[in-house]
Amino acid sequence: MKHIGSILFKCFNSRNVRCRKYEYSFIDDEFLILLYVDRSFDEIDAMNSEIFSKCYDEGLIDELNKLSYFIIPYEVGVD
């Protein structure tokens, strides 16, 4: 899980993404996280593709499946 966090951080950092708010919980061996960021849906889609590709390349798909994360634009989440 730590390694996936590192991948998320690097993806956010390389794109200069600002996480404006987050929510999280842990239910039945699954970590749930909701990240509100200062990006559009198109940019978030590109980030998700990059995150999946890096996790796949590093053999972390099983770990990624235990993590439910959603990245949404901050403006959408606060309305």
C-alpha atoms as a PDB file:
ATOM      1  CA  MET A   1       0.000   0.000   0.000  1.00  0.00           C
ATOM      2  CA  LYS A   2       2.915   2.327   0.754  1.00  0.00           C
ATOM      3  CA  HIS A   3       4.286   1.858  -2.737  1.00  0.00           C
ATOM      4  CA  ILE A   4       0.943   2.788  -4.312  1.00  0.00           C
ATOM      5  CA  GLY A   5       0.894   5.913  -2.151  1.00  0.00           C
ATOM      6  CA  SER A   6       4.310   6.773  -3.542  1.00  0.00           C
ATOM      7  CA  ILE A   7       3.027   6.328  -7.105  1.00  0.00           C
ATOM      8  CA  LEU A   8       0.045   8.601  -6.370  1.00  0.00           C
ATOM      9  CA  PHE A   9       2.322  11.216  -4.801  1.00  0.00           C
ATOM     10  CA  LYS A  10       4.731  11.180  -7.746  1.00  0.00           C
ATOM     11  CA  CYS A  11       1.853  11.478 -10.232  1.00  0.00           C
ATOM     12  CA  PHE A  12       0.352  14.418  -8.336  1.00  0.00           C
ATOM     13  CA  ASN A  13       3.742  16.063  -7.844  1.00  0.00           C
ATOM     14  CA  SER A  14       4.862  15.726 -11.475  1.00  0.00           C
ATOM     15  CA  ARG A  15       1.646  17.424 -12.621  1.00  0.00           C
ATOM     16  CA  ASN A  16       1.700  20.008  -9.824  1.00  0.00           C
ATOM     17  CA  VAL A  17      -1.732  18.828  -8.640  1.00  0.00           C
ATOM     18  CA  ARG A  18      -3.080  20.301  -5.441  1.00  0.00           C
ATOM     19  CA  CYS A  19      -5.292  18.122  -3.268  1.00  0.00           C
ATOM     20  CA  ARG A  20      -7.738  20.612  -1.745  1.00  0.00           C
ATOM     21  CA  LYS A  21      -9.647  18.153   0.440  1.00  0.00           C
ATOM     22  CA  TYR A  22      -9.761  14.415   1.157  1.00  0.00           C
ATOM     23  CA  GLU A  23     -11.945  11.886   2.939  1.00  0.00           C
ATOM     24  CA  TYR A  24     -11.083   8.292   3.821  1.00  0.00           C
ATOM     25  CA  SER A  25     -12.326   5.180   5.592  1.00  0.00           C
ATOM     26  CA  PHE A  26     -11.372   1.534   6.023  1.00  0.00           C
ATOM     27  CA  ILE A  27     -14.068  -1.126   5.565  1.00  0.00           C
ATOM     28  CA  ASP A  28     -13.588  -4.927   5.343  1.00  0.00           C
ATOM     29  CA  ASP A  29      -9.898  -4.913   4.314  1.00  0.00           C
ATOM     30  CA  GLU A  30     -10.524  -2.172   1.769  1.00  0.00           C
ATOM     31  CA  PHE A  31      -9.190   1.355   2.055  1.00  0.00           C
ATOM     32  CA  LEU A  32     -11.546   3.951   0.600  1.00  0.00           C
ATOM     33  CA  ILE A  33     -10.282   7.428  -0.263  1.00  0.00           C
ATOM     34  CA  LEU A  34     -11.847  10.416  -2.006  1.00  0.00           C
ATOM     35  CA  LEU A  35      -9.481  13.125  -3.254  1.00  0.00           C
ATOM     36  CA  TYR A  36     -10.685  16.559  -4.336  1.00  0.00           C
ATOM     37  CA  VAL A  37      -8.134  18.169  -6.657  1.00  0.00           C
ATOM     38  CA  ASP A  38      -7.689  21.343  -8.673  1.00  0.00           C
ATOM     39  CA  ARG A  39      -7.919  19.636 -12.085  1.00  0.00           C
ATOM     40  CA  SER A  40     -10.532  18.902 -14.763  1.00  0.00           C
ATOM     41  CA  PHE A  41     -12.095  15.511 -15.454  1.00  0.00           C
ATOM     42  CA  ASP A  42      -9.895  15.125 -18.566  1.00  0.00           C
ATOM     43  CA  GLU A  43      -6.717  15.728 -16.567  1.00  0.00           C
ATOM     44  CA  ILE A  44      -7.920  13.344 -13.856  1.00  0.00           C
ATOM     45  CA  ASP A  45      -8.575  10.677 -16.490  1.00  0.00           C
ATOM     46  CA  ALA A  46      -4.989  11.024 -17.724  1.00  0.00           C
ATOM     47  CA  MET A  47      -3.729  10.769 -14.132  1.00  0.00           C
ATOM     48  CA  ASN A  48      -5.754   7.595 -13.521  1.00  0.00           C
ATOM     49  CA  SER A  49      -4.279   6.038 -16.664  1.00  0.00           C
ATOM     50  CA  GLU A  50      -0.767   6.901 -15.523  1.00  0.00           C
ATOM     51  CA  ILE A  51      -1.384   5.519 -12.020  1.00  0.00           C
ATOM     52  CA  PHE A  52      -2.802   2.257 -13.391  1.00  0.00           C
ATOM     53  CA  SER A  53       0.075   1.847 -15.859  1.00  0.00           C
ATOM     54  CA  LYS A  54       2.713   2.363 -13.180  1.00  0.00           C
ATOM     55  CA  CYS A  55       0.970  -0.042 -10.793  1.00  0.00           C
ATOM     56  CA  TYR A  56       0.689  -2.623 -13.594  1.00  0.00           C
ATOM     57  CA  ASP A  57       4.368  -2.217 -14.521  1.00  0.00           C
ATOM     58  CA  GLU A  58       5.389  -2.768 -10.897  1.00  0.00           C
ATOM     59  CA  GLY A  59       3.083  -5.759 -10.300  1.00  0.00           C
ATOM     60  CA  LEU A  60       0.821  -3.911  -7.876  1.00  0.00           C
ATOM     61  CA  ILE A  61      -2.581  -4.622  -9.429  1.00  0.00           C
ATOM     62  CA  ASP A  62      -3.737  -6.879  -6.557  1.00  0.00           C
ATOM     63  CA  GLU A  63      -2.817  -4.174  -4.042  1.00  0.00           C
ATOM     64  CA  LEU A  64      -4.486  -1.523  -6.202  1.00  0.00           C
ATOM     65  CA  ASN A  65      -7.684  -3.588  -6.194  1.00  0.00           C
ATOM     66  CA  LYS A  66      -7.759  -3.352  -2.376  1.00  0.00           C
ATOM     67  CA  LEU A  67      -7.712   0.426  -2.648  1.00  0.00           C
ATOM     68  CA  SER A  68     -10.836   2.237  -3.775  1.00  0.00           C
ATOM     69  CA  TYR A  69      -9.899   5.766  -4.656  1.00  0.00           C
ATOM     70  CA  PHE A  70     -11.769   8.463  -6.471  1.00  0.00           C
ATOM     71  CA  ILE A  71     -10.218  11.670  -7.724  1.00  0.00           C
ATOM     72  CA  ILE A  72     -12.695  14.411  -8.555  1.00  0.00           C
ATOM     73  CA  PRO A  73     -12.475  18.138  -9.284  1.00  0.00           C
ATOM     74  CA  TYR A  74     -12.796  20.179  -6.110  1.00  0.00           C
ATOM     75  CA  GLU A  75     -15.471  22.442  -7.604  1.00  0.00           C
ATOM     76  CA  VAL A  76     -17.712  19.445  -8.356  1.00  0.00           C
ATOM     77  CA  GLY A  77     -17.274  17.904  -4.916  1.00  0.00           C
ATOM     78  CA  VAL A  78     -18.171  20.983  -2.912  1.00  0.00           C
ATOM     79  CA  ASP A  79     -21.344  21.950  -4.786  1.00  0.00           C
END
